[in-house]
C-alpha atoms as a PDB file:
ATOM      1  CA  UNK A   1       5.247 -15.937   9.016  1.00  0.00           C
ATOM      2  CA  UNK A   2       1.554 -15.102   8.542  1.00  0.00           C
ATOM      3  CA  UNK A   3       0.477 -11.662   7.349  1.00  0.00           C
ATOM      4  CA  UNK A   4      -2.401 -10.140   9.326  1.00  0.00           C
ATOM      5  CA  UNK A   5      -4.789  -8.319   6.978  1.00  0.00           C
ATOM      6  CA  UNK A   6      -7.404  -5.786   8.130  1.00  0.00           C
ATOM      7  CA  UNK A   7     -10.810  -7.409   8.643  1.00  0.00           C
ATOM      8  CA  UNK A   8     -12.603  -5.722   5.740  1.00  0.00           C
ATOM      9  CA  UNK A   9     -12.620  -6.085   1.981  1.00  0.00           C
ATOM     10  CA  UNK A  10     -10.682  -3.847  -0.403  1.00  0.00           C
ATOM     11  CA  UNK A  11     -11.161  -3.029  -4.082  1.00  0.00           C
ATOM     12  CA  UNK A  12      -7.422  -2.961  -4.936  1.00  0.00           C
ATOM     13  CA  UNK A  13      -4.132  -4.236  -3.513  1.00  0.00           C
ATOM     14  CA  UNK A  14      -0.964  -2.115  -3.864  1.00  0.00           C
ATOM     15  CA  UNK A  15       2.384  -3.820  -3.318  1.00  0.00           C
ATOM     16  CA  UNK A  16       5.795  -2.322  -2.721  1.00  0.00           C
ATOM     17  CA  UNK A  17       8.332  -4.384  -4.701  1.00  0.00           C
ATOM     18  CA  UNK A  18      11.729  -4.734  -2.990  1.00  0.00           C
ATOM     19  CA  UNK A  19      11.431  -6.395   0.400  1.00  0.00           C
ATOM     20  CA  UNK A  20       7.686  -6.909  -0.035  1.00  0.00           C
ATOM     21  CA  UNK A  21       7.023  -9.048  -3.141  1.00  0.00           C
ATOM     22  CA  UNK A  22      10.660  -9.763  -3.833  1.00  0.00           C
ATOM     23  CA  UNK A  23      13.148 -10.839  -1.166  1.00  0.00           C
ATOM     24  CA  UNK A  24      15.643  -8.597  -2.931  1.00  0.00           C
ATOM     25  CA  UNK A  25      16.849  -6.447  -0.065  1.00  0.00           C
ATOM     26  CA  UNK A  26      19.823  -8.722   0.765  1.00  0.00           C
ATOM     27  CA  UNK A  27      20.858  -8.558  -2.934  1.00  0.00           C
ATOM     28  CA  UNK A  28      20.396  -4.785  -3.029  1.00  0.00           C
ATOM     29  CA  UNK A  29      22.598  -4.534   0.064  1.00  0.00           C
ATOM     30  CA  UNK A  30      25.373  -6.565  -1.622  1.00  0.00           C
ATOM     31  CA  UNK A  31      25.151  -4.251  -4.661  1.00  0.00           C
ATOM     32  CA  UNK A  32      25.246  -1.164  -2.426  1.00  0.00           C
ATOM     33  CA  UNK A  33      28.301  -2.409  -0.508  1.00  0.00           C
ATOM     34  CA  UNK A  34      30.224  -3.151  -3.734  1.00  0.00           C
ATOM     35  CA  UNK A  35      29.307   0.143  -5.410  1.00  0.00           C
ATOM     36  CA  UNK A  36      30.098   2.239  -2.326  1.00  0.00           C
ATOM     37  CA  UNK A  37      33.353   0.379  -1.556  1.00  0.00           C
ATOM     38  CA  UNK A  38      34.690   1.769  -4.850  1.00  0.00           C
ATOM     39  CA  UNK A  39      34.379   5.217  -3.174  1.00  0.00           C
ATOM     40  CA  UNK A  40      35.581   4.108   0.286  1.00  0.00           C
ATOM     41  CA  UNK A  41      32.085   4.674   1.645  1.00  0.00           C
ATOM     42  CA  UNK A  42      30.569   2.362   4.270  1.00  0.00           C
ATOM     43  CA  UNK A  43      26.850   1.619   4.597  1.00  0.00           C
ATOM     44  CA  UNK A  44      25.809  -0.218   7.768  1.00  0.00           C
ATOM     45  CA  UNK A  45      23.173  -2.931   7.211  1.00  0.00           C
ATOM     46  CA  UNK A  46      20.845  -1.554   9.906  1.00  0.00           C
ATOM     47  CA  UNK A  47      20.984   1.911   8.317  1.00  0.00           C
ATOM     48  CA  UNK A  48      20.330   0.321   4.901  1.00  0.00           C
ATOM     49  CA  UNK A  49      17.087  -1.207   6.215  1.00  0.00           C
ATOM     50  CA  UNK A  50      16.163   1.961   8.136  1.00  0.00           C
ATOM     51  CA  UNK A  51      16.465   3.919   4.886  1.00  0.00           C
ATOM     52  CA  UNK A  52      14.439   1.346   2.929  1.00  0.00           C
ATOM     53  CA  UNK A  53      12.017   2.994   0.508  1.00  0.00           C
ATOM     54  CA  UNK A  54      14.237   6.014  -0.167  1.00  0.00           C
ATOM     55  CA  UNK A  55      15.226   6.606  -3.801  1.00  0.00           C
ATOM     56  CA  UNK A  56      18.770   5.477  -4.690  1.00  0.00           C
ATOM     57  CA  UNK A  57      19.926   8.996  -5.604  1.00  0.00           C
ATOM     58  CA  UNK A  58      18.651  10.372  -2.277  1.00  0.00           C
ATOM     59  CA  UNK A  59      20.625   7.703  -0.368  1.00  0.00           C
ATOM     60  CA  UNK A  60      23.851   8.539  -2.229  1.00  0.00           C
ATOM     61  CA  UNK A  61      23.346  12.267  -1.605  1.00  0.00           C
ATOM     62  CA  UNK A  62      22.745  11.579   2.114  1.00  0.00           C
ATOM     63  CA  UNK A  63      25.887   9.423   2.328  1.00  0.00           C
ATOM     64  CA  UNK A  64      27.892  12.172   0.565  1.00  0.00           C
ATOM     65  CA  UNK A  65      26.691  14.648   3.174  1.00  0.00           C
ATOM     66  CA  UNK A  66      27.250  12.258   6.108  1.00  0.00           C
ATOM     67  CA  UNK A  67      30.820  11.355   5.103  1.00  0.00           C
ATOM     68  CA  UNK A  68      31.911  14.594   3.415  1.00  0.00           C
ATOM     69  CA  UNK A  69      32.277  12.719   0.105  1.00  0.00           C
ATOM     70  CA  UNK A  70      31.684  13.879  -3.445  1.00  0.00           C
ATOM     71  CA  UNK A  71      30.451  10.675  -5.105  1.00  0.00           C
ATOM     72  CA  UNK A  72      28.853  11.385  -8.512  1.00  0.00           C
ATOM     73  CA  UNK A  73      25.234  10.579  -7.629  1.00  0.00           C
ATOM     74  CA  UNK A  74      23.964   9.434 -11.039  1.00  0.00           C
ATOM     75  CA  UNK A  75      27.079   7.379 -11.842  1.00  0.00           C
ATOM     76  CA  UNK A  76      27.045   5.596  -8.461  1.00  0.00           C
ATOM     77  CA  UNK A  77      23.287   4.979  -8.803  1.00  0.00           C
ATOM     78  CA  UNK A  78      23.836   3.358 -12.234  1.00  0.00           C
ATOM     79  CA  UNK A  79      26.749   1.288 -10.891  1.00  0.00           C
ATOM     80  CA  UNK A  80      24.657   0.077  -7.954  1.00  0.00           C
ATOM     81  CA  UNK A  81      21.782  -0.918 -10.294  1.00  0.00           C
ATOM     82  CA  UNK A  82      24.194  -2.699 -12.689  1.00  0.00           C
ATOM     83  CA  UNK A  83      25.622  -4.705  -9.774  1.00  0.00           C
ATOM     84  CA  UNK A  84      22.064  -5.557  -8.647  1.00  0.00           C
ATOM     85  CA  UNK A  85      21.147  -6.817 -12.146  1.00  0.00           C
ATOM     86  CA  UNK A  86      24.155  -9.170 -12.029  1.00  0.00           C
ATOM     87  CA  UNK A  87      22.641 -10.718  -8.879  1.00  0.00           C
ATOM     88  CA  UNK A  88      19.095 -11.141 -10.297  1.00  0.00           C
ATOM     89  CA  UNK A  89      19.477 -14.884 -11.036  1.00  0.00           C
ATOM     90  CA  UNK A  90      19.650 -15.406  -7.232  1.00  0.00           C
ATOM     91  CA  UNK A  91      16.390 -13.545  -6.536  1.00  0.00           C
ATOM     92  CA  UNK A  92      13.511 -15.143  -4.631  1.00  0.00           C
ATOM     93  CA  UNK A  93       9.923 -14.120  -3.896  1.00  0.00           C
ATOM     94  CA  UNK A  94       8.405 -13.722  -0.429  1.00  0.00           C
ATOM     95  CA  UNK A  95       5.895 -16.619  -0.419  1.00  0.00           C
ATOM     96  CA  UNK A  96       3.427 -15.119   2.071  1.00  0.00           C
ATOM     97  CA  UNK A  97       3.009 -12.053  -0.163  1.00  0.00           C
ATOM     98  CA  UNK A  98       2.855 -14.013  -3.441  1.00  0.00           C
ATOM     99  CA  UNK A  99       0.031 -16.039  -1.858  1.00  0.00           C
ATOM    100  CA  UNK A 100      -2.096 -12.848  -1.681  1.00  0.00           C
ATOM    101  CA  UNK A 101      -1.133 -11.847  -5.231  1.00  0.00           C
ATOM    102  CA  UNK A 102      -2.204 -15.274  -6.553  1.00  0.00           C
ATOM    103  CA  UNK A 103      -5.444 -15.228  -4.518  1.00  0.00           C
ATOM    104  CA  UNK A 104      -6.561 -11.787  -5.771  1.00  0.00           C
ATOM    105  CA  UNK A 105      -5.171 -11.817  -9.345  1.00  0.00           C
ATOM    106  CA  UNK A 106      -8.110 -11.631 -11.749  1.00  0.00           C
ATOM    107  CA  UNK A 107     -10.533 -10.639  -8.948  1.00  0.00           C
ATOM    108  CA  UNK A 108      -9.393  -7.096  -8.050  1.00  0.00           C
ATOM    109  CA  UNK A 109      -6.829  -4.742  -9.625  1.00  0.00           C
ATOM    110  CA  UNK A 110      -3.241  -5.137  -8.385  1.00  0.00           C
ATOM    111  CA  UNK A 111      -0.452  -2.563  -8.597  1.00  0.00           C
ATOM    112  CA  UNK A 112       3.251  -2.424  -7.790  1.00  0.00           C
ATOM    113  CA  UNK A 113       4.259   0.865  -6.152  1.00  0.00           C
ATOM    114  CA  UNK A 114       8.024   1.157  -5.803  1.00  0.00           C
ATOM    115  CA  UNK A 115      10.754   3.634  -4.961  1.00  0.00           C
ATOM    116  CA  UNK A 116      12.988   1.754  -7.410  1.00  0.00           C
ATOM    117  CA  UNK A 117      13.401   2.616 -11.066  1.00  0.00           C
ATOM    118  CA  UNK A 118      11.171   0.865 -13.621  1.00  0.00           C
ATOM    119  CA  UNK A 119      14.005  -1.237 -15.120  1.00  0.00           C
ATOM    120  CA  UNK A 120      14.840  -2.627 -11.670  1.00  0.00           C
ATOM    121  CA  UNK A 121      11.176  -3.456 -10.896  1.00  0.00           C
ATOM    122  CA  UNK A 122      10.665  -5.052 -14.329  1.00  0.00           C
ATOM    123  CA  UNK A 123      13.873  -7.085 -13.912  1.00  0.00           C
ATOM    124  CA  UNK A 124      12.831  -8.424 -10.498  1.00  0.00           C
ATOM    125  CA  UNK A 125       9.217  -9.242 -11.410  1.00  0.00           C
ATOM    126  CA  UNK A 126      10.184 -10.777 -14.758  1.00  0.00           C
ATOM    127  CA  UNK A 127      12.827 -13.005 -13.105  1.00  0.00           C
ATOM    128  CA  UNK A 128      10.105 -14.318 -10.770  1.00  0.00           C
ATOM    129  CA  UNK A 129       7.442 -14.702 -13.523  1.00  0.00           C
ATOM    130  CA  UNK A 130       5.101 -12.287 -11.703  1.00  0.00           C
ATOM    131  CA  UNK A 131       5.044  -9.340 -14.120  1.00  0.00           C
ATOM    132  CA  UNK A 132       1.721 -10.387 -15.729  1.00  0.00           C
ATOM    133  CA  UNK A 133      -0.099 -10.321 -12.362  1.00  0.00           C
ATOM    134  CA  UNK A 134      -0.148  -6.511 -12.143  1.00  0.00           C
ATOM    135  CA  UNK A 135      -2.440  -3.994 -13.823  1.00  0.00           C
ATOM    136  CA  UNK A 136      -0.256  -0.973 -13.014  1.00  0.00           C
ATOM    137  CA  UNK A 137       3.412  -0.330 -12.172  1.00  0.00           C
ATOM    138  CA  UNK A 138       4.257   2.942 -10.416  1.00  0.00           C
ATOM    139  CA  UNK A 139       8.020   3.410 -10.196  1.00  0.00           C
ATOM    140  CA  UNK A 140      10.465   6.154  -9.160  1.00  0.00           C
ATOM    141  CA  UNK A 141      10.108   7.919 -12.539  1.00  0.00           C
ATOM    142  CA  UNK A 142       6.323   8.308 -12.094  1.00  0.00           C
ATOM    143  CA  UNK A 143       6.174  10.751  -9.164  1.00  0.00           C
ATOM    144  CA  UNK A 144       8.115  13.690  -7.728  1.00  0.00           C
ATOM    145  CA  UNK A 145       8.214  13.098  -3.952  1.00  0.00           C
ATOM    146  CA  UNK A 146       9.344   9.740  -2.583  1.00  0.00           C
ATOM    147  CA  UNK A 147       8.001   7.931   0.474  1.00  0.00           C
ATOM    148  CA  UNK A 148       6.973   8.969   3.162  1.00  0.00           C
ATOM    149  CA  UNK A 149       5.081  11.405   0.876  1.00  0.00           C
ATOM    150  CA  UNK A 150       1.845   9.745  -0.332  1.00  0.00           C
ATOM    151  CA  UNK A 151       2.404  10.610  -4.023  1.00  0.00           C
ATOM    152  CA  UNK A 152       3.319   7.126  -5.303  1.00  0.00           C
ATOM    153  CA  UNK A 153       0.255   5.468  -3.763  1.00  0.00           C
ATOM    154  CA  UNK A 154      -2.075   8.254  -4.900  1.00  0.00           C
ATOM    155  CA  UNK A 155      -0.756   7.902  -8.486  1.00  0.00           C
ATOM    156  CA  UNK A 156      -1.433   4.133  -8.331  1.00  0.00           C
ATOM    157  CA  UNK A 157      -4.990   4.617  -7.008  1.00  0.00           C
ATOM    158  CA  UNK A 158      -5.697   7.181  -9.726  1.00  0.00           C
ATOM    159  CA  UNK A 159      -4.353   4.910 -12.490  1.00  0.00           C
ATOM    160  CA  UNK A 160      -6.442   2.003 -11.162  1.00  0.00           C
ATOM    161  CA  UNK A 161      -9.516   4.220 -10.814  1.00  0.00           C
ATOM    162  CA  UNK A 162     -10.006   3.144  -7.171  1.00  0.00           C
ATOM    163  CA  UNK A 163     -10.492   5.597  -4.252  1.00  0.00           C
ATOM    164  CA  UNK A 164      -7.545   5.543  -1.804  1.00  0.00           C
ATOM    165  CA  UNK A 165      -9.766   4.410   1.098  1.00  0.00           C
ATOM    166  CA  UNK A 166     -10.541   1.198  -0.858  1.00  0.00           C
ATOM    167  CA  UNK A 167      -6.862   0.284  -1.410  1.00  0.00           C
ATOM    168  CA  UNK A 168      -4.780  -2.000   0.812  1.00  0.00           C
ATOM    169  CA  UNK A 169      -1.003  -1.449   0.771  1.00  0.00           C
ATOM    170  CA  UNK A 170       1.597  -4.181   1.427  1.00  0.00           C
ATOM    171  CA  UNK A 171       4.866  -2.609   2.640  1.00  0.00           C
ATOM    172  CA  UNK A 172       8.087  -3.613   4.397  1.00  0.00           C
ATOM    173  CA  UNK A 173       9.394  -0.200   5.510  1.00  0.00           C
ATOM    174  CA  UNK A 174       8.311   2.436   8.005  1.00  0.00           C
ATOM    175  CA  UNK A 175       8.571   5.065   5.234  1.00  0.00           C
ATOM    176  CA  UNK A 176       6.194   3.011   3.084  1.00  0.00           C
ATOM    177  CA  UNK A 177       3.669   2.562   5.901  1.00  0.00           C
ATOM    178  CA  UNK A 178       3.833   6.332   6.584  1.00  0.00           C
ATOM    179  CA  UNK A 179       3.236   7.036   2.881  1.00  0.00           C
ATOM    180  CA  UNK A 180       0.243   4.663   2.759  1.00  0.00           C
ATOM    181  CA  UNK A 181      -1.252   6.273   5.879  1.00  0.00           C
ATOM    182  CA  UNK A 182      -0.701   9.759   4.405  1.00  0.00           C
ATOM    183  CA  UNK A 183      -2.521   8.572   1.258  1.00  0.00           C
ATOM    184  CA  UNK A 184      -5.518   7.517   3.377  1.00  0.00           C
ATOM    185  CA  UNK A 185      -4.912   3.803   2.791  1.00  0.00           C
ATOM    186  CA  UNK A 186      -4.860   0.811   5.131  1.00  0.00           C
ATOM    187  CA  UNK A 187      -1.609  -1.174   5.163  1.00  0.00           C
ATOM    188  CA  UNK A 188      -0.045  -4.524   6.010  1.00  0.00           C
ATOM    189  CA  UNK A 189       3.534  -4.651   7.347  1.00  0.00           C
ATOM    190  CA  UNK A 190       5.779  -7.305   5.752  1.00  0.00           C
ATOM    191  CA  UNK A 191       8.634  -8.098   8.203  1.00  0.00           C
ATOM    192  CA  UNK A 192      12.137  -7.268   6.946  1.00  0.00           C
ATOM    193  CA  UNK A 193      14.745 -10.077   6.615  1.00  0.00           C
ATOM    194  CA  UNK A 194      16.403  -9.008   9.878  1.00  0.00           C
ATOM    195  CA  UNK A 195      13.034  -9.442  11.641  1.00  0.00           C
ATOM    196  CA  UNK A 196      12.259 -12.780   9.950  1.00  0.00           C
ATOM    197  CA  UNK A 197      15.665 -14.317  10.752  1.00  0.00           C
END
């Protein structure tokens, strides 16, 4: 798999975390299935990937509505994250993305922009020894509206001090690409595991 980058230079690279830097989506799916099974709730793998980029609490609320359930959103979200942390020793990076991180580290500012909570992002990046490559982390706690709203990417650009038009976003989900476009940023699509298989 080779990532096709736009043919111009950028002053900052912004990376989604799960499914973009970290091949964590299969592990997140295992954690989701276990957490939701405790509430007799099913979550199809294709829907899981289609909803990629949505905050955990929003997914649980949507599943409650879909299935007429009353799962306690915060408790299920914590359970899902705890189950994910148990799987962290199995985590792997996506080499084609890490290649761009390594190439640009120390030359331009790099940021992680994620719909996941900070502890999840820190856990993933620390397990892969990549945490020191990034100047800024923007996580679910840092903005009000999740992707496809542009908020997360605009916060990252502001914290880096780089205009949005000079930022390149690496993303694996349609919601993330929509958010980057809404922020006025160019983007690179990282194929999801189902597309790479």
